[in-house]
N, C-alpha and C. Protein backbone atom coordinates (compact mmCIF):
# COMPACT_ATOMS: atom_id res chain seq x y z
N MET A 1 74.55 120.79 29.65
CA MET A 1 75.01 119.41 29.43
C MET A 1 75.36 119.23 27.96
N ALA A 2 76.45 118.53 27.71
CA ALA A 2 76.88 118.30 26.33
C ALA A 2 75.93 117.33 25.66
N PRO A 3 75.67 117.49 24.36
CA PRO A 3 74.79 116.57 23.65
C PRO A 3 75.39 115.18 23.60
N SER A 4 74.54 114.17 23.65
CA SER A 4 75.03 112.80 23.66
C SER A 4 74.98 112.22 22.26
N VAL A 5 75.75 111.15 22.06
CA VAL A 5 75.77 110.46 20.77
C VAL A 5 74.52 109.61 20.65
N THR A 6 73.80 109.73 19.54
CA THR A 6 72.61 108.92 19.34
C THR A 6 72.99 107.60 18.69
N ALA A 7 72.00 106.73 18.57
CA ALA A 7 72.25 105.41 18.01
C ALA A 7 72.12 105.40 16.50
N VAL A 8 71.88 106.57 15.90
CA VAL A 8 71.73 106.64 14.45
C VAL A 8 73.05 106.34 13.78
N ASP A 9 73.03 105.54 12.72
CA ASP A 9 74.23 105.20 11.97
C ASP A 9 74.83 106.47 11.39
N ASP A 10 76.16 106.69 11.60
CA ASP A 10 76.84 107.87 11.08
C ASP A 10 76.68 108.01 9.58
N ALA A 11 76.61 106.89 8.88
CA ALA A 11 76.54 106.94 7.42
C ALA A 11 75.24 107.58 6.95
N GLN A 12 74.19 107.62 7.83
CA GLN A 12 72.92 108.20 7.46
C GLN A 12 72.80 109.65 7.89
N GLN A 13 73.86 110.19 8.52
CA GLN A 13 73.82 111.55 9.01
C GLN A 13 74.73 112.45 8.20
N THR A 14 74.34 113.70 8.08
CA THR A 14 75.26 114.69 7.53
C THR A 14 76.27 115.04 8.60
N PRO A 15 77.45 115.59 8.22
CA PRO A 15 78.42 116.02 9.23
C PRO A 15 77.83 117.03 10.20
N ALA A 16 76.89 117.87 9.72
CA ALA A 16 76.26 118.83 10.63
C ALA A 16 75.48 118.12 11.72
N GLU A 17 74.76 117.06 11.35
CA GLU A 17 74.00 116.29 12.34
C GLU A 17 74.94 115.55 13.28
N GLN A 18 76.05 115.05 12.75
CA GLN A 18 77.02 114.36 13.59
C GLN A 18 77.60 115.30 14.62
N LEU A 19 77.90 116.54 14.22
CA LEU A 19 78.44 117.50 15.17
C LEU A 19 77.41 117.83 16.24
N SER A 20 76.14 117.96 15.83
CA SER A 20 75.08 118.28 16.78
C SER A 20 74.90 117.18 17.81
N ASN A 21 75.10 115.92 17.39
CA ASN A 21 74.90 114.79 18.28
C ASN A 21 76.18 114.34 18.98
N LEU A 22 77.27 115.00 18.71
CA LEU A 22 78.56 114.56 19.23
C LEU A 22 78.64 114.72 20.74
N ASP A 23 79.07 113.66 21.42
CA ASP A 23 79.35 113.72 22.85
C ASP A 23 80.73 114.32 23.02
N LEU A 24 80.81 115.55 23.52
CA LEU A 24 82.08 116.26 23.60
C LEU A 24 83.03 115.62 24.60
N ASN A 25 82.51 114.69 25.42
CA ASN A 25 83.35 114.02 26.42
C ASN A 25 83.76 112.62 25.99
N ALA A 26 83.28 112.18 24.83
CA ALA A 26 83.59 110.82 24.38
C ALA A 26 84.99 110.77 23.81
N SER A 27 85.66 109.65 24.00
CA SER A 27 87.01 109.49 23.45
C SER A 27 86.90 109.21 21.97
N PRO A 28 87.86 109.67 21.16
CA PRO A 28 87.80 109.43 19.71
C PRO A 28 87.85 107.96 19.36
N GLU A 29 88.44 107.13 20.24
CA GLU A 29 88.54 105.71 19.94
C GLU A 29 87.16 105.07 19.80
N ARG A 30 86.16 105.63 20.50
CA ARG A 30 84.82 105.08 20.42
C ARG A 30 84.21 105.28 19.05
N ARG A 31 84.72 106.26 18.30
CA ARG A 31 84.18 106.54 16.98
C ARG A 31 85.13 106.09 15.88
N CYS A 32 86.21 105.44 16.25
CA CYS A 32 87.24 105.04 15.29
C CYS A 32 87.24 103.52 15.19
N VAL A 33 86.40 102.97 14.32
CA VAL A 33 86.29 101.52 14.18
C VAL A 33 86.78 101.14 12.79
N GLY A 34 87.96 100.58 12.72
CA GLY A 34 88.51 100.13 11.45
C GLY A 34 89.26 101.20 10.67
N ARG A 35 89.04 102.46 10.98
CA ARG A 35 89.76 103.53 10.28
C ARG A 35 89.82 104.77 11.16
N CYS A 36 90.86 105.57 10.95
CA CYS A 36 91.01 106.84 11.66
C CYS A 36 91.42 107.90 10.65
N ASP A 37 90.44 108.42 9.93
CA ASP A 37 90.71 109.41 8.89
C ASP A 37 90.68 110.82 9.45
N MET A 38 91.63 111.64 8.99
CA MET A 38 91.61 113.06 9.28
C MET A 38 91.55 113.80 7.96
N GLU A 39 90.83 114.93 7.93
CA GLU A 39 90.68 115.66 6.69
C GLU A 39 90.49 117.14 6.96
N LEU A 40 90.83 117.95 5.97
CA LEU A 40 90.56 119.38 6.03
C LEU A 40 89.49 119.72 5.00
N GLY A 41 88.56 120.60 5.37
CA GLY A 41 87.51 121.00 4.45
C GLY A 41 87.36 122.50 4.39
N ASP A 42 86.93 123.00 3.24
CA ASP A 42 86.70 124.43 3.07
C ASP A 42 85.47 124.87 3.85
N VAL A 43 85.48 126.10 4.30
CA VAL A 43 84.30 126.70 4.93
C VAL A 43 83.53 127.42 3.83
N THR A 44 82.33 126.94 3.52
CA THR A 44 81.54 127.52 2.43
C THR A 44 80.06 127.34 2.70
N HIS A 45 79.24 128.28 2.23
CA HIS A 45 77.79 128.17 2.41
C HIS A 45 77.14 127.39 1.29
N HIS A 46 77.89 126.96 0.29
CA HIS A 46 77.31 126.30 -0.88
C HIS A 46 76.97 124.83 -0.62
N ASN A 47 77.73 124.16 0.25
CA ASN A 47 77.57 122.72 0.41
C ASN A 47 76.86 122.37 1.71
N VAL A 48 75.91 121.46 1.62
CA VAL A 48 75.26 120.93 2.81
C VAL A 48 75.81 119.55 3.12
N GLN A 49 76.23 118.84 2.11
CA GLN A 49 76.84 117.52 2.28
C GLN A 49 78.34 117.62 2.02
N VAL A 50 79.09 116.71 2.63
CA VAL A 50 80.52 116.62 2.35
C VAL A 50 80.72 115.84 1.07
N ARG A 51 81.49 116.41 0.15
CA ARG A 51 81.78 115.73 -1.10
C ARG A 51 83.28 115.49 -1.18
N LEU A 52 83.66 114.25 -1.30
CA LEU A 52 85.08 113.92 -1.37
C LEU A 52 85.64 114.35 -2.72
N ARG A 53 86.82 114.95 -2.69
CA ARG A 53 87.46 115.43 -3.92
C ARG A 53 88.68 114.61 -4.28
N LYS A 54 89.52 114.34 -3.31
CA LYS A 54 90.70 113.55 -3.60
C LYS A 54 91.27 113.02 -2.31
N ARG A 55 92.12 112.03 -2.39
CA ARG A 55 92.77 111.46 -1.22
C ARG A 55 94.26 111.80 -1.28
N GLN A 56 94.82 112.01 -0.11
CA GLN A 56 96.25 112.26 -0.06
C GLN A 56 96.77 111.91 1.32
N ARG A 57 98.07 111.75 1.43
CA ARG A 57 98.70 111.45 2.70
C ARG A 57 99.03 112.73 3.45
N LEU A 58 98.62 112.83 4.70
CA LEU A 58 98.93 113.98 5.54
C LEU A 58 99.33 113.47 6.91
N LEU A 59 100.51 113.83 7.37
CA LEU A 59 100.97 113.47 8.71
C LEU A 59 100.94 111.97 8.96
N GLY A 60 101.11 111.17 7.91
CA GLY A 60 101.13 109.74 8.10
C GLY A 60 99.76 109.13 8.28
N GLU A 61 98.68 109.93 8.27
CA GLU A 61 97.33 109.42 8.42
C GLU A 61 96.65 109.42 7.06
N ARG A 62 95.66 108.56 6.89
CA ARG A 62 94.84 108.63 5.69
C ARG A 62 93.99 109.89 5.79
N ALA A 63 94.07 110.74 4.77
CA ALA A 63 93.37 112.01 4.86
C ALA A 63 92.64 112.30 3.58
N ARG A 64 91.62 113.14 3.68
CA ARG A 64 90.86 113.54 2.51
C ARG A 64 90.64 115.03 2.54
N VAL A 65 90.74 115.64 1.36
CA VAL A 65 90.41 117.06 1.23
C VAL A 65 88.99 117.13 0.69
N CYS A 66 88.13 117.91 1.33
CA CYS A 66 86.73 117.91 0.93
C CYS A 66 86.12 119.29 1.07
N LYS A 67 84.96 119.44 0.48
CA LYS A 67 84.14 120.64 0.69
C LYS A 67 83.39 120.48 2.00
N ALA A 68 83.26 121.56 2.75
CA ALA A 68 82.58 121.50 4.04
C ALA A 68 81.23 122.18 3.96
N PRO A 69 80.30 121.83 4.88
CA PRO A 69 78.98 122.40 4.85
C PRO A 69 78.89 123.78 5.48
N THR A 70 77.71 124.16 5.91
CA THR A 70 77.42 125.54 6.28
C THR A 70 78.20 126.06 7.46
N LYS A 71 78.17 127.43 7.56
CA LYS A 71 79.00 128.11 8.53
C LYS A 71 78.62 127.81 9.97
N TRP A 72 77.39 127.32 10.24
CA TRP A 72 76.99 127.11 11.62
C TRP A 72 77.83 126.03 12.28
N GLN A 73 78.38 125.10 11.49
CA GLN A 73 79.25 124.08 12.07
C GLN A 73 80.45 124.74 12.74
N LEU A 74 81.06 125.69 12.06
CA LEU A 74 82.21 126.40 12.63
C LEU A 74 81.78 127.18 13.86
N LYS A 75 80.60 127.78 13.80
CA LYS A 75 80.11 128.56 14.95
C LYS A 75 79.92 127.67 16.16
N ARG A 76 79.31 126.52 15.97
CA ARG A 76 79.08 125.60 17.09
C ARG A 76 80.40 125.08 17.63
N LEU A 77 81.33 124.80 16.73
CA LEU A 77 82.65 124.35 17.16
C LEU A 77 83.33 125.40 18.02
N ASN A 78 83.33 126.65 17.56
CA ASN A 78 83.97 127.72 18.32
C ASN A 78 83.32 127.92 19.68
N GLN A 79 82.00 127.77 19.74
CA GLN A 79 81.30 127.91 21.02
C GLN A 79 81.73 126.83 22.00
N ALA A 80 82.05 125.64 21.49
CA ALA A 80 82.46 124.54 22.36
C ALA A 80 83.91 124.65 22.79
N VAL A 81 84.74 125.27 21.95
CA VAL A 81 86.19 125.27 22.19
C VAL A 81 86.67 126.51 22.92
N PHE A 82 86.14 127.67 22.57
CA PHE A 82 86.70 128.94 23.06
C PHE A 82 85.82 129.60 24.12
N PRO A 83 86.44 130.30 25.06
CA PRO A 83 85.68 131.00 26.11
C PRO A 83 85.11 132.33 25.65
N VAL A 84 85.43 132.74 24.44
CA VAL A 84 84.92 134.00 23.90
C VAL A 84 83.97 133.69 22.74
N SER A 85 83.06 134.61 22.45
CA SER A 85 82.11 134.43 21.36
C SER A 85 82.45 135.36 20.20
N TYR A 86 82.01 134.96 19.02
CA TYR A 86 82.28 135.73 17.81
C TYR A 86 80.95 136.11 17.15
N ASN A 87 80.86 137.34 16.66
CA ASN A 87 79.59 137.83 16.13
C ASN A 87 79.35 137.33 14.70
N ASP A 88 78.15 137.64 14.19
CA ASP A 88 77.77 137.16 12.86
C ASP A 88 78.68 137.73 11.77
N LYS A 89 79.18 138.93 11.98
CA LYS A 89 80.08 139.54 10.99
C LYS A 89 81.32 138.68 10.80
N PHE A 90 81.84 138.12 11.89
CA PHE A 90 83.01 137.24 11.83
C PHE A 90 82.73 136.06 10.90
N TYR A 91 81.60 135.39 11.10
CA TYR A 91 81.29 134.20 10.30
C TYR A 91 80.94 134.55 8.86
N LYS A 92 80.34 135.70 8.65
CA LYS A 92 80.03 136.13 7.28
C LYS A 92 81.31 136.35 6.49
N GLU A 93 82.30 136.95 7.12
CA GLU A 93 83.57 137.20 6.44
C GLU A 93 84.35 135.91 6.21
N ILE A 94 84.23 134.97 7.15
CA ILE A 94 84.97 133.71 7.03
C ILE A 94 84.52 132.91 5.82
N ILE A 95 83.23 133.04 5.46
CA ILE A 95 82.70 132.30 4.32
C ILE A 95 83.53 132.54 3.06
N SER A 96 84.05 133.75 2.90
CA SER A 96 84.82 134.10 1.69
C SER A 96 86.32 134.09 1.93
N ALA A 97 86.77 133.44 3.02
CA ALA A 97 88.19 133.47 3.37
C ALA A 97 89.03 132.50 2.56
N GLY A 98 88.40 131.57 1.86
CA GLY A 98 89.16 130.62 1.05
C GLY A 98 90.06 129.73 1.88
N GLU A 99 91.33 129.63 1.49
CA GLU A 99 92.28 128.76 2.18
C GLU A 99 92.63 129.26 3.58
N LEU A 100 92.20 130.47 3.92
CA LEU A 100 92.50 131.01 5.25
C LEU A 100 91.57 130.47 6.32
N ALA A 101 90.56 129.71 5.93
CA ALA A 101 89.64 129.10 6.89
C ALA A 101 89.42 127.64 6.53
N LYS A 102 89.62 126.76 7.49
CA LYS A 102 89.46 125.33 7.26
C LYS A 102 88.77 124.67 8.44
N LEU A 103 87.98 123.65 8.13
CA LEU A 103 87.43 122.77 9.16
C LEU A 103 88.23 121.48 9.15
N ALA A 104 88.42 120.89 10.33
CA ALA A 104 89.12 119.61 10.44
C ALA A 104 88.10 118.53 10.79
N TYR A 105 88.18 117.41 10.07
CA TYR A 105 87.27 116.30 10.29
C TYR A 105 88.04 115.09 10.82
N PHE A 106 87.41 114.36 11.71
CA PHE A 106 87.93 113.08 12.18
C PHE A 106 86.84 112.06 11.92
N ASN A 107 87.11 111.15 10.96
CA ASN A 107 86.08 110.19 10.53
C ASN A 107 84.76 110.91 10.20
N ASP A 108 84.86 111.96 9.42
CA ASP A 108 83.72 112.70 8.90
C ASP A 108 82.97 113.54 9.93
N ILE A 109 83.55 113.73 11.12
CA ILE A 109 82.94 114.57 12.15
C ILE A 109 83.79 115.83 12.29
N VAL A 110 83.14 116.99 12.33
CA VAL A 110 83.87 118.24 12.53
C VAL A 110 84.40 118.28 13.96
N VAL A 111 85.73 118.34 14.10
CA VAL A 111 86.34 118.34 15.44
C VAL A 111 87.31 119.49 15.65
N GLY A 112 87.57 120.27 14.62
CA GLY A 112 88.52 121.38 14.76
C GLY A 112 88.39 122.36 13.63
N GLY A 113 89.06 123.49 13.78
CA GLY A 113 89.01 124.49 12.72
C GLY A 113 90.03 125.59 12.93
N VAL A 114 90.31 126.31 11.86
CA VAL A 114 91.22 127.45 11.92
C VAL A 114 90.66 128.56 11.04
N CYS A 115 90.75 129.79 11.54
CA CYS A 115 90.30 130.97 10.79
C CYS A 115 91.39 132.03 10.86
N CYS A 116 91.78 132.54 9.71
CA CYS A 116 92.86 133.53 9.65
C CYS A 116 92.44 134.72 8.79
N ARG A 117 93.23 135.77 8.86
CA ARG A 117 93.04 136.92 7.99
C ARG A 117 94.42 137.51 7.67
N ILE A 118 94.47 138.29 6.62
CA ILE A 118 95.70 138.98 6.24
C ILE A 118 95.62 140.43 6.72
N ASP A 119 96.64 140.86 7.44
CA ASP A 119 96.75 142.25 7.89
C ASP A 119 97.95 142.91 7.22
N ILE A 120 97.85 144.19 6.96
CA ILE A 120 98.98 144.96 6.45
C ILE A 120 99.18 146.15 7.38
N GLU A 121 100.32 146.17 8.06
CA GLU A 121 100.63 147.23 9.02
C GLU A 121 101.95 147.88 8.63
N ASP A 122 101.92 149.17 8.38
CA ASP A 122 103.13 149.91 7.99
C ASP A 122 103.82 149.26 6.80
N GLY A 123 103.03 148.79 5.86
CA GLY A 123 103.56 148.18 4.66
C GLY A 123 104.01 146.74 4.82
N VAL A 124 103.84 146.17 6.02
CA VAL A 124 104.25 144.78 6.28
C VAL A 124 103.02 143.88 6.24
N LYS A 125 103.07 142.86 5.40
CA LYS A 125 101.97 141.92 5.25
C LYS A 125 102.13 140.79 6.27
N ARG A 126 101.08 140.56 7.06
CA ARG A 126 101.13 139.56 8.12
C ARG A 126 99.87 138.70 8.08
N LEU A 127 100.00 137.46 8.52
CA LEU A 127 98.83 136.60 8.66
C LEU A 127 98.48 136.50 10.14
N TYR A 128 97.22 136.78 10.46
CA TYR A 128 96.77 136.72 11.84
C TYR A 128 95.87 135.51 12.03
N ILE A 129 96.21 134.66 12.99
CA ILE A 129 95.37 133.51 13.34
C ILE A 129 94.30 133.99 14.32
N MET A 130 93.07 134.07 13.86
CA MET A 130 91.97 134.52 14.72
C MET A 130 91.51 133.40 15.65
N THR A 131 91.34 132.21 15.10
CA THR A 131 90.98 131.05 15.92
C THR A 131 91.68 129.81 15.38
N LEU A 132 92.09 128.93 16.26
CA LEU A 132 92.59 127.61 15.90
C LEU A 132 92.33 126.72 17.10
N GLY A 133 91.48 125.73 16.92
CA GLY A 133 91.13 124.90 18.07
C GLY A 133 90.59 123.55 17.67
N THR A 134 90.60 122.63 18.63
CA THR A 134 90.11 121.27 18.46
C THR A 134 89.26 120.89 19.67
N LEU A 135 88.19 120.16 19.45
CA LEU A 135 87.39 119.67 20.57
C LEU A 135 88.27 118.86 21.51
N ALA A 136 88.06 119.02 22.80
CA ALA A 136 88.94 118.44 23.82
C ALA A 136 89.20 116.95 23.65
N PRO A 137 88.20 116.10 23.37
CA PRO A 137 88.48 114.66 23.26
C PRO A 137 89.35 114.30 22.06
N TYR A 138 89.50 115.22 21.12
CA TYR A 138 90.25 114.93 19.89
C TYR A 138 91.60 115.63 19.84
N ARG A 139 92.04 116.12 20.98
CA ARG A 139 93.35 116.75 21.03
C ARG A 139 94.43 115.68 21.16
N ARG A 140 95.66 116.07 20.85
CA ARG A 140 96.82 115.17 20.88
C ARG A 140 96.71 114.04 19.85
N LEU A 141 95.98 114.30 18.79
CA LEU A 141 95.88 113.35 17.68
C LEU A 141 96.52 113.91 16.41
N GLY A 142 97.10 115.10 16.52
CA GLY A 142 97.74 115.72 15.36
C GLY A 142 96.83 116.62 14.56
N ILE A 143 95.60 116.85 15.04
CA ILE A 143 94.66 117.67 14.28
C ILE A 143 95.07 119.14 14.32
N GLY A 144 95.45 119.62 15.50
CA GLY A 144 95.93 121.00 15.60
C GLY A 144 97.17 121.22 14.75
N THR A 145 98.05 120.22 14.75
CA THR A 145 99.26 120.28 13.92
C THR A 145 98.90 120.35 12.45
N LEU A 146 97.92 119.55 12.03
CA LEU A 146 97.46 119.56 10.64
C LEU A 146 96.97 120.95 10.24
N LEU A 147 96.20 121.57 11.11
CA LEU A 147 95.66 122.90 10.84
C LEU A 147 96.76 123.96 10.78
N LEU A 148 97.66 123.92 11.76
CA LEU A 148 98.73 124.93 11.80
C LEU A 148 99.70 124.76 10.64
N LYS A 149 100.02 123.53 10.29
CA LYS A 149 100.92 123.30 9.15
C LYS A 149 100.30 123.80 7.85
N HIS A 150 98.99 123.69 7.75
CA HIS A 150 98.31 124.25 6.57
C HIS A 150 98.53 125.75 6.49
N VAL A 151 98.39 126.43 7.63
CA VAL A 151 98.58 127.89 7.68
C VAL A 151 100.02 128.26 7.34
N ILE A 152 100.96 127.56 7.94
CA ILE A 152 102.38 127.85 7.69
C ILE A 152 102.72 127.63 6.22
N ALA A 153 102.18 126.56 5.64
CA ALA A 153 102.45 126.27 4.22
C ALA A 153 101.92 127.38 3.32
N LEU A 154 100.76 127.93 3.66
CA LEU A 154 100.22 129.05 2.88
C LEU A 154 101.17 130.23 2.89
N CYS A 155 101.72 130.51 4.07
CA CYS A 155 102.62 131.66 4.21
C CYS A 155 103.94 131.43 3.49
N GLU A 156 104.42 130.21 3.51
CA GLU A 156 105.68 129.91 2.84
C GLU A 156 105.55 129.99 1.32
N LYS A 157 104.34 129.77 0.82
CA LYS A 157 104.10 129.90 -0.62
C LYS A 157 104.01 131.36 -1.04
N ASP A 158 103.52 132.20 -0.14
CA ASP A 158 103.37 133.62 -0.43
C ASP A 158 104.53 134.38 0.21
N THR A 159 105.57 134.65 -0.55
CA THR A 159 106.78 135.25 0.00
C THR A 159 106.59 136.70 0.43
N SER A 160 105.42 137.27 0.14
CA SER A 160 105.15 138.64 0.58
C SER A 160 104.70 138.70 2.04
N ILE A 161 104.37 137.54 2.63
CA ILE A 161 103.95 137.50 4.04
C ILE A 161 105.18 137.45 4.92
N ASP A 162 105.31 138.41 5.80
CA ASP A 162 106.50 138.52 6.65
C ASP A 162 106.44 137.62 7.87
N ASN A 163 105.26 137.50 8.48
CA ASN A 163 105.16 136.71 9.71
C ASN A 163 103.73 136.29 10.00
N ILE A 164 103.60 135.35 10.92
CA ILE A 164 102.31 134.90 11.44
C ILE A 164 102.23 135.36 12.89
N TYR A 165 101.07 135.86 13.29
CA TYR A 165 100.95 136.25 14.70
C TYR A 165 99.56 135.92 15.24
N LEU A 166 99.44 135.88 16.55
CA LEU A 166 98.17 135.57 17.20
C LEU A 166 98.24 135.97 18.66
N HIS A 167 97.09 135.94 19.32
CA HIS A 167 97.00 136.18 20.75
C HIS A 167 96.67 134.87 21.47
N VAL A 168 97.30 134.65 22.61
CA VAL A 168 97.02 133.47 23.44
C VAL A 168 96.82 133.94 24.88
N GLN A 169 95.75 133.50 25.51
CA GLN A 169 95.49 133.86 26.90
C GLN A 169 96.68 133.48 27.77
N VAL A 170 97.07 134.35 28.68
CA VAL A 170 98.33 134.19 29.40
C VAL A 170 98.40 132.92 30.23
N ASN A 171 97.26 132.34 30.60
CA ASN A 171 97.28 131.12 31.42
C ASN A 171 97.10 129.85 30.60
N ASN A 172 97.07 129.97 29.28
CA ASN A 172 96.87 128.81 28.41
C ASN A 172 98.23 128.17 28.09
N GLU A 173 98.75 127.43 29.06
CA GLU A 173 100.09 126.86 28.92
C GLU A 173 100.18 125.86 27.77
N SER A 174 99.14 125.05 27.58
CA SER A 174 99.18 124.04 26.52
C SER A 174 99.26 124.69 25.15
N ALA A 175 98.51 125.78 24.95
CA ALA A 175 98.55 126.48 23.66
C ALA A 175 99.91 127.14 23.46
N LEU A 176 100.45 127.73 24.51
CA LEU A 176 101.77 128.37 24.41
C LEU A 176 102.83 127.35 24.03
N ASP A 177 102.80 126.19 24.68
CA ASP A 177 103.77 125.13 24.37
C ASP A 177 103.61 124.66 22.93
N PHE A 178 102.37 124.53 22.48
CA PHE A 178 102.08 124.08 21.12
C PHE A 178 102.69 125.03 20.09
N TYR A 179 102.45 126.30 20.23
CA TYR A 179 102.95 127.26 19.24
C TYR A 179 104.47 127.42 19.31
N LYS A 180 105.02 127.31 20.49
CA LYS A 180 106.48 127.42 20.62
C LYS A 180 107.18 126.28 19.88
N ARG A 181 106.55 125.11 19.83
CA ARG A 181 107.14 123.98 19.10
C ARG A 181 107.27 124.28 17.61
N PHE A 182 106.48 125.20 17.12
CA PHE A 182 106.52 125.55 15.70
C PHE A 182 107.26 126.86 15.45
N GLY A 183 108.01 127.31 16.44
CA GLY A 183 108.85 128.48 16.23
C GLY A 183 108.24 129.82 16.58
N PHE A 184 107.08 129.82 17.22
CA PHE A 184 106.47 131.08 17.65
C PHE A 184 107.16 131.58 18.91
N GLU A 185 107.29 132.88 19.03
CA GLU A 185 107.91 133.49 20.20
C GLU A 185 106.99 134.55 20.79
N ILE A 186 107.02 134.68 22.11
CA ILE A 186 106.26 135.73 22.78
C ILE A 186 106.99 137.06 22.59
N VAL A 187 106.30 138.04 22.02
CA VAL A 187 106.94 139.34 21.76
C VAL A 187 106.31 140.46 22.57
N GLY A 188 105.25 140.17 23.28
CA GLY A 188 104.60 141.21 24.08
C GLY A 188 103.36 140.69 24.76
N THR A 189 102.73 141.56 25.53
CA THR A 189 101.50 141.22 26.25
C THR A 189 100.45 142.29 25.98
N ALA A 190 99.26 141.85 25.64
CA ALA A 190 98.13 142.77 25.44
C ALA A 190 97.28 142.75 26.70
N GLU A 191 97.36 143.82 27.48
CA GLU A 191 96.59 143.90 28.72
C GLU A 191 95.11 144.15 28.41
N LYS A 192 94.24 143.54 29.22
CA LYS A 192 92.79 143.71 29.09
C LYS A 192 92.33 143.42 27.66
N TYR A 193 92.90 142.40 27.06
CA TYR A 193 92.58 142.04 25.68
C TYR A 193 91.19 141.39 25.59
N TYR A 194 90.86 140.56 26.58
CA TYR A 194 89.58 139.85 26.57
C TYR A 194 88.54 140.56 27.43
N LYS A 195 87.29 140.39 27.05
CA LYS A 195 86.18 140.95 27.83
C LYS A 195 85.42 139.81 28.50
N ARG A 196 85.10 139.98 29.74
CA ARG A 196 84.25 139.07 30.51
C ARG A 196 84.87 137.71 30.77
N ILE A 197 86.18 137.57 30.63
CA ILE A 197 86.86 136.34 31.04
C ILE A 197 88.14 136.72 31.78
N GLU A 198 88.56 135.82 32.66
CA GLU A 198 89.78 136.03 33.44
C GLU A 198 90.72 134.86 33.25
N PRO A 199 92.04 135.11 33.19
CA PRO A 199 92.66 136.44 33.09
C PRO A 199 92.32 137.10 31.76
N ASP A 200 92.32 138.42 31.77
CA ASP A 200 91.90 139.15 30.57
C ASP A 200 93.06 139.59 29.68
N SER A 201 94.27 139.15 30.02
CA SER A 201 95.46 139.52 29.23
C SER A 201 95.85 138.40 28.28
N ALA A 202 96.53 138.76 27.21
CA ALA A 202 96.97 137.78 26.21
C ALA A 202 98.41 138.05 25.82
N TYR A 203 99.14 136.96 25.60
CA TYR A 203 100.47 137.09 25.02
C TYR A 203 100.33 137.26 23.52
N ILE A 204 101.22 138.03 22.93
CA ILE A 204 101.29 138.16 21.48
C ILE A 204 102.42 137.26 20.99
N LEU A 205 102.09 136.29 20.16
CA LEU A 205 103.07 135.35 19.63
C LEU A 205 103.31 135.63 18.16
N VAL A 206 104.56 135.52 17.74
CA VAL A 206 104.93 135.79 16.35
C VAL A 206 105.87 134.71 15.83
N LYS A 207 105.65 134.32 14.59
CA LYS A 207 106.57 133.42 13.90
C LYS A 207 107.01 134.09 12.61
N LYS A 208 108.28 134.34 12.47
CA LYS A 208 108.84 134.92 11.26
C LYS A 208 108.85 133.88 10.15
N ILE A 209 108.44 134.27 8.96
CA ILE A 209 108.43 133.34 7.83
C ILE A 209 109.75 133.44 7.08
N SER A 210 110.48 132.34 7.06
CA SER A 210 111.77 132.33 6.37
C SER A 210 111.56 132.48 4.87
N GLY A 211 112.41 133.27 4.25
CA GLY A 211 112.32 133.47 2.81
C GLY A 211 111.37 134.56 2.40
N SER A 212 110.73 135.22 3.39
CA SER A 212 109.79 136.30 3.04
C SER A 212 110.57 137.49 2.50
N SER A 213 109.94 138.24 1.60
CA SER A 213 110.61 139.37 0.97
C SER A 213 110.60 140.59 1.87
């Protein structure tokens, strides 16, 4: 059973506590009273509290860039969003990923995240999206778009990156449609890519970065 929202005032809770108490089936409107802020935060083990750094406009919403708390928030998020699990080595490496890993907040609650890495194959530098997801009640609010645009912007700044690629489960039509809107194309299929889930095949999606060297 998904954890329920407690009656504790959000202002007295850390974002980690808010995520722990979050009702994964609740609509975002129930938590959006007077404001609907979206923000991206760094994944780091140094911060336990969210500290606001600056305000800026993103996607027409009021947004804040902030430091994010411990790695377990990302782990819990991934467990709620994805049908596959990631080991401790994955989260240990993500801590030092810098701009390649971000948490997404909606009114100070962790609701999404993205984790990437840089691969070099045959001399070609590529960015691989390992995970990108949003809690189900907070989808279609532009949070996934915010995360993906952050990744694309990173690649456009680094002209040595040739393309972005990722795997998507073959039956995940909503994810396929989402990435296609941003110029990703299916270039192949990885058979038996997943373990212990069905279907076990994944499409390989690629987006070429314009202006790359």
